[in-house]
Amino acid sequence: MSNKIKAVIWDMGGVILRTEDWKYRTQLAEFYNLTLKGIHDLVFNSDSAKRATLGEIDEKAHWKNLGEQLGLNQKELIDFQKRFWQGDQLDQDLVGFIRSLQTDLKTGLLSNAWSGARAVLTDSKPCIDAFHFSVFSNEVGLAKPNPAIYRYMLSLCEVQPTEAIFVDDAIENVEAANLLGIHGVHFESAGQAVSSVEALLKDES
């Protein structure tokens, strides 16, 4: 069977949607007497966040749990969320590159995300159309680096592992993809990721 690349799969947070201005999260952390890592862990790595990632609770319930932990009223919680996300930007150039791949390849989005992620990429930061297939962990009850979620993505794309490239900023997720035979690319910058994908496409053409 040919190993020619037929699909390129991308992560969302930290790849196409990145925190470009850290001052808002830094200010939040200082206000609540937390480190930057501490506020990141509270939002993304708490038990509540992990349950939201697997779709066991919705995003609203996760934020409610966080608010209770910090002793926030509803207005304060809304302000916390707004400030936490304020420095995030969609990489339009990278999304443009992904769209350019659609003519010859299948494009996929594979993200550990909460229940509001699809709406964000459809409405406030529209780019979902850049992907033929999109899989969010909360919708399937599986999360990276569980091999099952990669296999599910591959089945949607109708490709073998060796026929796919996967780009993610979390090294453990890239390593999990590599173990399945997928061509993993560790995202460090948009330029580096694009160059790595282009090199793999050239090598496998």
N, C-alpha and C. Protein backbone atom coordinates (compact mmCIF):
# COMPACT_ATOMS: atom_id res chain seq x y z
N MET A 1 0.84 -1.19 0.00
CA MET A 1 0.00 0.00 0.00
C MET A 1 0.88 1.25 0.00
N SER A 2 0.52 2.22 -0.80
CA SER A 2 1.28 3.46 -0.89
C SER A 2 1.23 4.22 0.43
N ASN A 3 2.37 4.84 0.77
CA ASN A 3 2.43 5.66 1.97
C ASN A 3 2.24 7.14 1.64
N LYS A 4 1.81 7.44 0.45
CA LYS A 4 1.62 8.84 0.06
C LYS A 4 0.68 9.54 1.04
N ILE A 5 1.06 10.74 1.45
CA ILE A 5 0.24 11.50 2.39
C ILE A 5 -1.09 11.88 1.74
N LYS A 6 -2.17 11.60 2.46
CA LYS A 6 -3.50 11.90 1.96
C LYS A 6 -4.29 12.82 2.90
N ALA A 7 -3.78 13.02 4.11
CA ALA A 7 -4.50 13.85 5.09
C ALA A 7 -3.51 14.58 5.98
N VAL A 8 -3.85 15.84 6.32
CA VAL A 8 -3.08 16.62 7.28
C VAL A 8 -4.04 17.06 8.39
N ILE A 9 -3.73 16.68 9.62
CA ILE A 9 -4.61 16.88 10.77
C ILE A 9 -3.94 17.86 11.74
N TRP A 10 -4.73 18.79 12.23
CA TRP A 10 -4.20 19.88 13.06
C TRP A 10 -4.88 19.94 14.42
N ASP A 11 -4.10 20.35 15.41
CA ASP A 11 -4.63 20.69 16.73
C ASP A 11 -5.21 22.10 16.67
N MET A 12 -6.01 22.47 17.66
CA MET A 12 -6.57 23.82 17.72
C MET A 12 -5.76 24.72 18.66
N GLY A 13 -5.97 24.59 19.98
CA GLY A 13 -5.33 25.47 20.95
C GLY A 13 -3.82 25.33 20.96
N GLY A 14 -3.12 26.45 20.81
CA GLY A 14 -1.67 26.43 20.75
C GLY A 14 -1.13 26.25 19.36
N VAL A 15 -2.02 26.02 18.38
CA VAL A 15 -1.60 25.83 16.99
C VAL A 15 -2.29 26.86 16.10
N ILE A 16 -3.55 26.62 15.75
CA ILE A 16 -4.23 27.61 14.91
C ILE A 16 -4.80 28.75 15.76
N LEU A 17 -5.07 28.48 17.03
CA LEU A 17 -5.59 29.49 17.95
C LEU A 17 -4.61 29.58 19.12
N ARG A 18 -3.91 30.72 19.21
CA ARG A 18 -2.82 30.81 20.18
C ARG A 18 -2.93 32.07 21.04
N THR A 19 -2.38 31.99 22.24
CA THR A 19 -2.28 33.17 23.11
C THR A 19 -1.08 33.98 22.64
N GLU A 20 -1.33 35.13 22.03
CA GLU A 20 -0.27 35.97 21.50
C GLU A 20 0.11 37.12 22.44
N ASP A 21 -0.81 37.49 23.30
CA ASP A 21 -0.54 38.55 24.28
C ASP A 21 -0.84 38.00 25.67
N TRP A 22 0.23 37.76 26.44
CA TRP A 22 0.10 37.09 27.72
C TRP A 22 -0.20 38.04 28.88
N LYS A 23 -0.26 39.35 28.62
CA LYS A 23 -0.42 40.29 29.73
C LYS A 23 -1.74 40.11 30.46
N TYR A 24 -2.79 39.71 29.73
CA TYR A 24 -4.10 39.56 30.38
C TYR A 24 -4.11 38.40 31.37
N ARG A 25 -3.52 37.27 30.97
CA ARG A 25 -3.46 36.14 31.89
C ARG A 25 -2.49 36.41 33.03
N THR A 26 -1.41 37.11 32.73
CA THR A 26 -0.46 37.46 33.78
C THR A 26 -1.11 38.36 34.82
N GLN A 27 -1.88 39.35 34.36
CA GLN A 27 -2.58 40.25 35.27
C GLN A 27 -3.62 39.50 36.11
N LEU A 28 -4.33 38.57 35.48
CA LEU A 28 -5.31 37.76 36.20
C LEU A 28 -4.63 36.95 37.29
N ALA A 29 -3.53 36.31 36.93
CA ALA A 29 -2.81 35.49 37.90
C ALA A 29 -2.37 36.32 39.09
N GLU A 30 -1.84 37.49 38.82
CA GLU A 30 -1.38 38.36 39.91
C GLU A 30 -2.55 38.81 40.78
N PHE A 31 -3.68 39.11 40.16
CA PHE A 31 -4.85 39.58 40.90
C PHE A 31 -5.36 38.51 41.86
N TYR A 32 -5.30 37.25 41.43
CA TYR A 32 -5.80 36.14 42.25
C TYR A 32 -4.67 35.44 43.03
N ASN A 33 -3.49 36.09 43.06
CA ASN A 33 -2.36 35.57 43.82
C ASN A 33 -1.96 34.17 43.36
N LEU A 34 -1.93 34.02 42.03
CA LEU A 34 -1.53 32.75 41.42
C LEU A 34 -0.35 32.99 40.49
N THR A 35 0.38 31.93 40.18
CA THR A 35 1.39 32.01 39.13
C THR A 35 0.69 31.83 37.79
N LEU A 36 1.39 32.14 36.71
CA LEU A 36 0.82 31.93 35.38
C LEU A 36 0.50 30.45 35.17
N LYS A 37 1.40 29.57 35.63
CA LYS A 37 1.16 28.14 35.54
C LYS A 37 -0.04 27.75 36.40
N GLY A 38 -0.15 28.37 37.56
CA GLY A 38 -1.25 28.05 38.45
C GLY A 38 -2.60 28.37 37.85
N ILE A 39 -2.71 29.52 37.19
CA ILE A 39 -4.00 29.88 36.60
C ILE A 39 -4.28 29.02 35.38
N HIS A 40 -3.22 28.64 34.65
CA HIS A 40 -3.37 27.74 33.51
C HIS A 40 -3.86 26.37 33.97
N ASP A 41 -3.27 25.87 35.04
CA ASP A 41 -3.68 24.56 35.56
C ASP A 41 -5.11 24.59 36.07
N LEU A 42 -5.49 25.68 36.70
CA LEU A 42 -6.85 25.82 37.22
C LEU A 42 -7.88 25.75 36.10
N VAL A 43 -7.57 26.42 34.98
CA VAL A 43 -8.50 26.46 33.86
C VAL A 43 -8.47 25.18 33.05
N PHE A 44 -7.28 24.63 32.79
CA PHE A 44 -7.16 23.54 31.84
C PHE A 44 -6.89 22.15 32.44
N ASN A 45 -6.31 22.10 33.63
CA ASN A 45 -5.85 20.80 34.14
C ASN A 45 -6.54 20.35 35.42
N SER A 46 -7.54 21.09 35.87
CA SER A 46 -8.28 20.68 37.05
C SER A 46 -9.16 19.48 36.72
N ASP A 47 -9.68 18.83 37.76
CA ASP A 47 -10.60 17.71 37.54
C ASP A 47 -11.82 18.16 36.74
N SER A 48 -12.31 19.35 37.03
CA SER A 48 -13.46 19.89 36.32
C SER A 48 -13.15 20.07 34.84
N ALA A 49 -11.95 20.60 34.55
CA ALA A 49 -11.54 20.82 33.16
C ALA A 49 -11.43 19.50 32.41
N LYS A 50 -10.87 18.50 33.08
CA LYS A 50 -10.72 17.18 32.44
C LYS A 50 -12.07 16.56 32.14
N ARG A 51 -13.03 16.75 33.04
CA ARG A 51 -14.38 16.23 32.81
C ARG A 51 -15.03 16.96 31.63
N ALA A 52 -14.81 18.27 31.54
CA ALA A 52 -15.35 19.03 30.41
C ALA A 52 -14.71 18.60 29.10
N THR A 53 -13.43 18.28 29.13
CA THR A 53 -12.71 17.84 27.94
C THR A 53 -13.29 16.53 27.42
N LEU A 54 -13.74 15.67 28.31
CA LEU A 54 -14.32 14.39 27.92
C LEU A 54 -15.83 14.46 27.70
N GLY A 55 -16.40 15.65 27.86
CA GLY A 55 -17.83 15.81 27.62
C GLY A 55 -18.69 15.31 28.77
N GLU A 56 -18.09 15.09 29.93
CA GLU A 56 -18.87 14.62 31.08
C GLU A 56 -19.67 15.76 31.70
N ILE A 57 -19.17 16.98 31.56
CA ILE A 57 -19.92 18.18 31.94
C ILE A 57 -19.73 19.19 30.81
N ASP A 58 -20.64 20.17 30.70
CA ASP A 58 -20.45 21.16 29.65
C ASP A 58 -19.54 22.28 30.13
N GLU A 59 -19.17 23.15 29.21
CA GLU A 59 -18.22 24.21 29.53
C GLU A 59 -18.75 25.15 30.60
N LYS A 60 -20.05 25.44 30.55
CA LYS A 60 -20.65 26.34 31.53
C LYS A 60 -20.49 25.79 32.95
N ALA A 61 -20.68 24.47 33.10
CA ALA A 61 -20.53 23.85 34.41
C ALA A 61 -19.09 23.92 34.90
N HIS A 62 -18.15 23.76 33.98
CA HIS A 62 -16.73 23.86 34.36
C HIS A 62 -16.41 25.26 34.87
N TRP A 63 -16.86 26.28 34.15
CA TRP A 63 -16.59 27.64 34.59
C TRP A 63 -17.28 27.93 35.93
N LYS A 64 -18.45 27.38 36.13
CA LYS A 64 -19.15 27.54 37.40
C LYS A 64 -18.32 26.94 38.54
N ASN A 65 -17.76 25.76 38.29
CA ASN A 65 -16.90 25.12 39.29
C ASN A 65 -15.68 25.98 39.60
N LEU A 66 -15.08 26.54 38.55
CA LEU A 66 -13.91 27.39 38.75
C LEU A 66 -14.28 28.63 39.55
N GLY A 67 -15.42 29.22 39.20
CA GLY A 67 -15.87 30.41 39.91
C GLY A 67 -16.08 30.14 41.39
N GLU A 68 -16.66 29.00 41.70
CA GLU A 68 -16.89 28.63 43.09
C GLU A 68 -15.57 28.44 43.83
N GLN A 69 -14.61 27.87 43.14
CA GLN A 69 -13.30 27.64 43.76
C GLN A 69 -12.61 28.96 44.11
N LEU A 70 -12.81 29.97 43.25
CA LEU A 70 -12.18 31.27 43.49
C LEU A 70 -13.09 32.23 44.26
N GLY A 71 -14.32 31.80 44.53
CA GLY A 71 -15.26 32.65 45.26
C GLY A 71 -15.78 33.82 44.44
N LEU A 72 -16.02 33.59 43.14
CA LEU A 72 -16.46 34.66 42.24
C LEU A 72 -17.97 34.69 42.12
N ASN A 73 -18.53 35.90 42.04
CA ASN A 73 -19.94 35.99 41.68
C ASN A 73 -20.05 35.93 40.15
N GLN A 74 -21.28 35.96 39.62
CA GLN A 74 -21.47 35.78 38.19
C GLN A 74 -20.77 36.85 37.36
N LYS A 75 -20.87 38.10 37.80
CA LYS A 75 -20.22 39.20 37.07
C LYS A 75 -18.71 39.03 37.08
N GLU A 76 -18.16 38.66 38.21
CA GLU A 76 -16.71 38.47 38.31
C GLU A 76 -16.25 37.30 37.45
N LEU A 77 -17.06 36.24 37.38
CA LEU A 77 -16.71 35.09 36.57
C LEU A 77 -16.70 35.44 35.09
N ILE A 78 -17.69 36.20 34.65
CA ILE A 78 -17.74 36.63 33.25
C ILE A 78 -16.51 37.47 32.91
N ASP A 79 -16.13 38.36 33.82
CA ASP A 79 -14.95 39.20 33.61
C ASP A 79 -13.68 38.34 33.57
N PHE A 80 -13.61 37.34 34.44
CA PHE A 80 -12.46 36.43 34.46
C PHE A 80 -12.32 35.75 33.11
N GLN A 81 -13.41 35.20 32.58
CA GLN A 81 -13.37 34.51 31.29
C GLN A 81 -12.94 35.45 30.17
N LYS A 82 -13.52 36.63 30.15
CA LYS A 82 -13.19 37.60 29.10
C LYS A 82 -11.71 37.93 29.11
N ARG A 83 -11.18 38.20 30.29
CA ARG A 83 -9.76 38.56 30.39
C ARG A 83 -8.85 37.37 30.10
N PHE A 84 -9.29 36.18 30.48
CA PHE A 84 -8.45 35.00 30.25
C PHE A 84 -8.23 34.76 28.76
N TRP A 85 -9.28 34.96 27.95
CA TRP A 85 -9.19 34.68 26.51
C TRP A 85 -8.76 35.89 25.68
N GLN A 86 -8.61 37.04 26.32
CA GLN A 86 -8.46 38.29 25.57
C GLN A 86 -7.22 38.33 24.68
N GLY A 87 -6.18 37.64 25.08
CA GLY A 87 -4.94 37.67 24.30
C GLY A 87 -4.85 36.61 23.22
N ASP A 88 -5.93 35.84 23.03
CA ASP A 88 -5.91 34.74 22.04
C ASP A 88 -6.25 35.26 20.65
N GLN A 89 -5.55 34.75 19.66
CA GLN A 89 -5.79 35.15 18.27
C GLN A 89 -5.79 33.94 17.37
N LEU A 90 -6.63 33.98 16.35
CA LEU A 90 -6.65 32.97 15.31
C LEU A 90 -5.56 33.32 14.29
N ASP A 91 -4.72 32.34 13.95
CA ASP A 91 -3.66 32.57 12.98
C ASP A 91 -4.24 32.46 11.57
N GLN A 92 -4.61 33.61 11.01
CA GLN A 92 -5.26 33.63 9.71
C GLN A 92 -4.36 33.11 8.60
N ASP A 93 -3.06 33.40 8.69
CA ASP A 93 -2.13 32.92 7.66
C ASP A 93 -2.03 31.39 7.69
N LEU A 94 -1.97 30.83 8.89
CA LEU A 94 -1.89 29.38 9.00
C LEU A 94 -3.18 28.73 8.51
N VAL A 95 -4.32 29.33 8.86
CA VAL A 95 -5.60 28.81 8.36
C VAL A 95 -5.65 28.89 6.84
N GLY A 96 -5.09 29.96 6.28
CA GLY A 96 -5.03 30.08 4.82
C GLY A 96 -4.20 28.96 4.20
N PHE A 97 -3.09 28.61 4.86
CA PHE A 97 -2.27 27.50 4.37
C PHE A 97 -3.05 26.20 4.42
N ILE A 98 -3.77 25.99 5.52
CA ILE A 98 -4.57 24.76 5.64
C ILE A 98 -5.62 24.70 4.54
N ARG A 99 -6.27 25.83 4.27
CA ARG A 99 -7.26 25.86 3.19
C ARG A 99 -6.63 25.51 1.84
N SER A 100 -5.38 25.94 1.65
CA SER A 100 -4.71 25.67 0.37
C SER A 100 -4.44 24.19 0.16
N LEU A 101 -4.42 23.42 1.27
CA LEU A 101 -4.18 21.98 1.17
C LEU A 101 -5.43 21.21 0.73
N GLN A 102 -6.60 21.85 0.86
CA GLN A 102 -7.86 21.14 0.65
C GLN A 102 -8.07 20.63 -0.77
N THR A 103 -7.41 21.25 -1.71
CA THR A 103 -7.59 20.84 -3.11
C THR A 103 -7.09 19.42 -3.34
N ASP A 104 -5.96 19.09 -2.73
CA ASP A 104 -5.31 17.80 -3.00
C ASP A 104 -5.34 16.83 -1.82
N LEU A 105 -5.65 17.33 -0.63
CA LEU A 105 -5.57 16.51 0.57
C LEU A 105 -6.81 16.67 1.43
N LYS A 106 -7.02 15.72 2.32
CA LYS A 106 -8.06 15.86 3.33
C LYS A 106 -7.45 16.62 4.51
N THR A 107 -8.21 17.55 5.06
CA THR A 107 -7.73 18.30 6.23
C THR A 107 -8.62 17.98 7.41
N GLY A 108 -7.99 17.85 8.58
CA GLY A 108 -8.74 17.51 9.79
C GLY A 108 -8.34 18.38 10.96
N LEU A 109 -9.27 18.54 11.88
CA LEU A 109 -9.02 19.24 13.14
C LEU A 109 -9.28 18.25 14.26
N LEU A 110 -8.28 18.07 15.12
CA LEU A 110 -8.40 17.12 16.23
C LEU A 110 -8.01 17.84 17.51
N SER A 111 -9.01 18.14 18.34
CA SER A 111 -8.78 19.02 19.48
C SER A 111 -9.35 18.47 20.78
N ASN A 112 -8.55 18.56 21.84
CA ASN A 112 -9.08 18.38 23.19
C ASN A 112 -9.77 19.69 23.56
N ALA A 113 -11.08 19.67 23.63
CA ALA A 113 -11.81 20.94 23.79
C ALA A 113 -13.12 20.72 24.53
N TRP A 114 -13.68 21.85 25.00
CA TRP A 114 -14.94 21.83 25.73
C TRP A 114 -16.11 22.06 24.77
N SER A 115 -17.29 22.09 25.33
CA SER A 115 -18.51 22.10 24.52
C SER A 115 -18.68 23.36 23.66
N GLY A 116 -18.01 24.45 24.02
CA GLY A 116 -18.18 25.67 23.24
C GLY A 116 -17.23 25.83 22.07
N ALA A 117 -16.30 24.90 21.89
CA ALA A 117 -15.23 25.08 20.90
C ALA A 117 -15.76 25.16 19.47
N ARG A 118 -16.67 24.30 19.10
CA ARG A 118 -17.16 24.30 17.72
C ARG A 118 -17.84 25.63 17.39
N ALA A 119 -18.59 26.18 18.34
CA ALA A 119 -19.26 27.46 18.11
C ALA A 119 -18.24 28.58 17.93
N VAL A 120 -17.15 28.54 18.71
CA VAL A 120 -16.11 29.57 18.58
C VAL A 120 -15.52 29.56 17.18
N LEU A 121 -15.20 28.37 16.67
CA LEU A 121 -14.57 28.28 15.35
C LEU A 121 -15.57 28.43 14.20
N THR A 122 -16.85 28.49 14.55
CA THR A 122 -17.88 28.72 13.54
C THR A 122 -18.29 30.19 13.51
N ASP A 123 -18.31 30.84 14.70
CA ASP A 123 -18.86 32.19 14.81
C ASP A 123 -17.81 33.25 15.09
N SER A 124 -17.28 33.28 16.31
CA SER A 124 -16.40 34.39 16.69
C SER A 124 -15.02 34.33 16.05
N LYS A 125 -14.51 33.13 15.81
CA LYS A 125 -13.22 32.97 15.14
C LYS A 125 -13.39 31.94 14.01
N PRO A 126 -14.14 32.31 12.98
CA PRO A 126 -14.54 31.34 11.96
C PRO A 126 -13.38 30.77 11.14
N CYS A 127 -13.27 29.45 11.19
CA CYS A 127 -12.25 28.75 10.39
C CYS A 127 -12.60 27.27 10.21
N ILE A 128 -13.76 26.87 10.72
CA ILE A 128 -14.10 25.44 10.69
C ILE A 128 -14.19 24.93 9.26
N ASP A 129 -14.45 25.83 8.32
CA ASP A 129 -14.56 25.44 6.92
C ASP A 129 -13.21 25.05 6.32
N ALA A 130 -12.11 25.33 7.03
CA ALA A 130 -10.79 24.94 6.54
C ALA A 130 -10.54 23.44 6.70
N PHE A 131 -11.46 22.76 7.38
CA PHE A 131 -11.26 21.34 7.68
C PHE A 131 -12.39 20.50 7.10
N HIS A 132 -12.02 19.45 6.40
CA HIS A 132 -13.03 18.51 5.91
C HIS A 132 -13.69 17.78 7.07
N PHE A 133 -12.90 17.51 8.11
CA PHE A 133 -13.40 16.77 9.28
C PHE A 133 -12.91 17.46 10.55
N SER A 134 -13.77 17.56 11.55
CA SER A 134 -13.39 18.16 12.83
C SER A 134 -13.88 17.27 13.96
N VAL A 135 -12.96 16.93 14.86
CA VAL A 135 -13.27 16.08 16.00
C VAL A 135 -12.87 16.82 17.27
N PHE A 136 -13.85 17.04 18.15
CA PHE A 136 -13.60 17.67 19.45
C PHE A 136 -13.80 16.60 20.53
N SER A 137 -12.87 16.56 21.46
CA SER A 137 -12.87 15.50 22.47
C SER A 137 -14.20 15.41 23.22
N ASN A 138 -14.79 16.57 23.55
CA ASN A 138 -16.03 16.56 24.34
C ASN A 138 -17.18 15.90 23.60
N GLU A 139 -17.11 15.88 22.26
CA GLU A 139 -18.20 15.32 21.46
C GLU A 139 -18.10 13.81 21.30
N VAL A 140 -16.89 13.27 21.51
CA VAL A 140 -16.70 11.83 21.30
C VAL A 140 -16.31 11.09 22.58
N GLY A 141 -16.10 11.84 23.68
CA GLY A 141 -15.76 11.21 24.95
C GLY A 141 -14.37 10.59 24.97
N LEU A 142 -13.50 11.09 24.13
CA LEU A 142 -12.11 10.63 24.06
C LEU A 142 -11.21 11.84 23.95
N ALA A 143 -10.00 11.73 24.49
CA ALA A 143 -9.07 12.86 24.43
C ALA A 143 -7.66 12.38 24.10
N LYS A 144 -6.93 13.20 23.38
CA LYS A 144 -5.50 12.94 23.15
C LYS A 144 -4.79 12.92 24.50
N PRO A 145 -3.85 12.04 24.73
CA PRO A 145 -3.19 11.16 23.76
C PRO A 145 -3.76 9.74 23.65
N ASN A 146 -5.01 9.54 24.01
CA ASN A 146 -5.64 8.23 23.86
C ASN A 146 -5.60 7.80 22.39
N PRO A 147 -4.99 6.66 22.07
CA PRO A 147 -4.88 6.24 20.68
C PRO A 147 -6.23 6.15 19.97
N ALA A 148 -7.30 5.90 20.73
CA ALA A 148 -8.61 5.71 20.11
C ALA A 148 -9.10 6.95 19.38
N ILE A 149 -8.75 8.15 19.88
CA ILE A 149 -9.23 9.35 19.21
C ILE A 149 -8.50 9.59 17.90
N TYR A 150 -7.24 9.17 17.83
CA TYR A 150 -6.51 9.27 16.56
C TYR A 150 -7.11 8.29 15.55
N ARG A 151 -7.39 7.10 16.01
CA ARG A 151 -7.97 6.10 15.10
C ARG A 151 -9.33 6.56 14.58
N TYR A 152 -10.10 7.21 15.44
CA TYR A 152 -11.39 7.74 15.03
C TYR A 152 -11.22 8.80 13.94
N MET A 153 -10.25 9.68 14.13
CA MET A 153 -9.98 10.71 13.13
C MET A 153 -9.54 10.09 11.82
N LEU A 154 -8.67 9.11 11.89
CA LEU A 154 -8.20 8.43 10.68
C LEU A 154 -9.35 7.75 9.94
N SER A 155 -10.29 7.18 10.69
CA SER A 155 -11.44 6.51 10.06
C SER A 155 -12.33 7.51 9.33
N LEU A 156 -12.48 8.71 9.90
CA LEU A 156 -13.26 9.74 9.22
C LEU A 156 -12.59 10.16 7.92
N CYS A 157 -11.28 10.29 7.97
CA CYS A 157 -10.52 10.69 6.79
C CYS A 157 -10.34 9.55 5.80
N GLU A 158 -10.64 8.33 6.25
CA GLU A 158 -10.47 7.12 5.42
C GLU A 158 -9.04 6.98 4.93
N VAL A 159 -8.09 7.11 5.88
CA VAL A 159 -6.67 6.96 5.56
C VAL A 159 -6.01 6.05 6.58
N GLN A 160 -4.88 5.49 6.19
CA GLN A 160 -4.04 4.71 7.08
C GLN A 160 -3.14 5.66 7.88
N PRO A 161 -2.61 5.23 9.03
CA PRO A 161 -1.74 6.11 9.82
C PRO A 161 -0.58 6.69 9.02
N THR A 162 0.05 5.86 8.19
CA THR A 162 1.21 6.33 7.43
C THR A 162 0.84 7.31 6.32
N GLU A 163 -0.46 7.48 6.09
CA GLU A 163 -0.93 8.40 5.06
C GLU A 163 -1.35 9.75 5.66
N ALA A 164 -1.07 9.95 6.96
CA ALA A 164 -1.52 11.16 7.64
C ALA A 164 -0.37 11.88 8.35
N ILE A 165 -0.49 13.20 8.38
CA ILE A 165 0.39 14.06 9.17
C ILE A 165 -0.46 14.64 10.30
N PHE A 166 0.13 14.75 11.49
CA PHE A 166 -0.59 15.33 12.63
C PHE A 166 0.28 16.39 13.27
N VAL A 167 -0.27 17.60 13.46
CA VAL A 167 0.46 18.73 14.02
C VAL A 167 -0.15 19.12 15.36
N ASP A 168 0.68 19.18 16.41
CA ASP A 168 0.20 19.51 17.76
C ASP A 168 1.33 20.18 18.52
N ASP A 169 0.98 21.10 19.43
CA ASP A 169 2.01 21.77 20.24
C ASP A 169 2.39 20.97 21.47
N ALA A 170 1.59 19.97 21.84
CA ALA A 170 1.89 19.14 23.02
C ALA A 170 2.69 17.91 22.57
N ILE A 171 3.92 17.80 23.05
CA ILE A 171 4.80 16.73 22.58
C ILE A 171 4.23 15.35 22.87
N GLU A 172 3.51 15.19 24.00
CA GLU A 172 2.96 13.87 24.32
C GLU A 172 1.91 13.44 23.30
N ASN A 173 1.20 14.41 22.73
CA ASN A 173 0.21 14.09 21.71
C ASN A 173 0.87 13.72 20.38
N VAL A 174 1.98 14.38 20.09
CA VAL A 174 2.75 14.06 18.87
C VAL A 174 3.36 12.66 19.00
N GLU A 175 3.91 12.36 20.17
CA GLU A 175 4.52 11.05 20.38
C GLU A 175 3.49 9.94 20.29
N ALA A 176 2.28 10.18 20.79
CA ALA A 176 1.22 9.18 20.69
C ALA A 176 0.85 8.93 19.24
N ALA A 177 0.82 9.99 18.44
CA ALA A 177 0.53 9.83 17.01
C ALA A 177 1.64 9.05 16.32
N ASN A 178 2.88 9.36 16.66
CA ASN A 178 4.02 8.66 16.06
C ASN A 178 3.97 7.16 16.35
N LEU A 179 3.55 6.80 17.56
CA LEU A 179 3.48 5.38 17.93
C LEU A 179 2.48 4.61 17.08
N LEU A 180 1.49 5.33 16.55
CA LEU A 180 0.50 4.69 15.67
C LEU A 180 0.96 4.63 14.22
N GLY A 181 2.08 5.29 13.92
CA GLY A 181 2.58 5.32 12.55
C GLY A 181 2.24 6.58 11.80
N ILE A 182 1.56 7.53 12.48
CA ILE A 182 1.26 8.83 11.89
C ILE A 182 2.54 9.67 11.88
N HIS A 183 2.66 10.54 10.89
CA HIS A 183 3.81 11.45 10.81
C HIS A 183 3.54 12.65 11.72
N GLY A 184 4.09 12.61 12.93
CA GLY A 184 3.84 13.67 13.89
C GLY A 184 4.76 14.86 13.71
N VAL A 185 4.20 16.06 13.82
CA VAL A 185 4.97 17.30 13.77
C VAL A 185 4.72 18.07 15.06
N HIS A 186 5.78 18.35 15.80
CA HIS A 186 5.65 19.13 17.03
C HIS A 186 5.64 20.60 16.67
N PHE A 187 4.53 21.27 16.93
CA PHE A 187 4.38 22.69 16.60
C PHE A 187 5.18 23.54 17.57
N GLU A 188 6.08 24.37 17.01
CA GLU A 188 6.83 25.34 17.80
C GLU A 188 6.57 26.76 17.32
N SER A 189 6.31 26.89 16.03
CA SER A 189 5.90 28.17 15.44
C SER A 189 5.18 27.85 14.14
N ALA A 190 4.41 28.82 13.65
CA ALA A 190 3.66 28.58 12.42
C ALA A 190 4.59 28.31 11.25
N GLY A 191 5.65 29.11 11.15
CA GLY A 191 6.59 28.92 10.05
C GLY A 191 7.27 27.56 10.08
N GLN A 192 7.68 27.15 11.27
CA GLN A 192 8.33 25.84 11.42
C GLN A 192 7.37 24.71 11.07
N ALA A 193 6.12 24.82 11.51
CA ALA A 193 5.13 23.77 11.25
C ALA A 193 4.82 23.66 9.77
N VAL A 194 4.64 24.79 9.11
CA VAL A 194 4.36 24.79 7.68
C VAL A 194 5.52 24.17 6.92
N SER A 195 6.75 24.55 7.27
CA SER A 195 7.93 23.99 6.60
C SER A 195 8.02 22.49 6.81
N SER A 196 7.71 22.02 8.02
CA SER A 196 7.77 20.59 8.31
C SER A 196 6.71 19.82 7.52
N VAL A 197 5.51 20.38 7.46
CA VAL A 197 4.44 19.73 6.68
C VAL A 197 4.81 19.70 5.21
N GLU A 198 5.29 20.80 4.68
CA GLU A 198 5.67 20.85 3.26
C GLU A 198 6.79 19.85 2.95
N ALA A 199 7.74 19.71 3.87
CA ALA A 199 8.83 18.76 3.67
C ALA A 199 8.31 17.33 3.64
N LEU A 200 7.39 17.00 4.53
CA LEU A 200 6.81 15.66 4.54
C LEU A 200 6.00 15.40 3.28
N LEU A 201 5.25 16.39 2.83
CA LEU A 201 4.48 16.21 1.61
C LEU A 201 5.39 16.00 0.40
N LYS A 202 6.50 16.71 0.40
CA LYS A 202 7.46 16.57 -0.70
C LYS A 202 8.10 15.18 -0.68
N ASP A 203 8.49 14.74 0.52
CA ASP A 203 9.14 13.44 0.67
C ASP A 203 8.22 12.28 0.29
N GLU A 204 6.91 12.45 0.56
CA GLU A 204 5.96 11.37 0.35
C GLU A 204 5.24 11.45 -0.99
N SER A 205 5.60 12.45 -1.81
CA SER A 205 4.90 12.63 -3.09
C SER A 205 5.39 11.65 -4.13
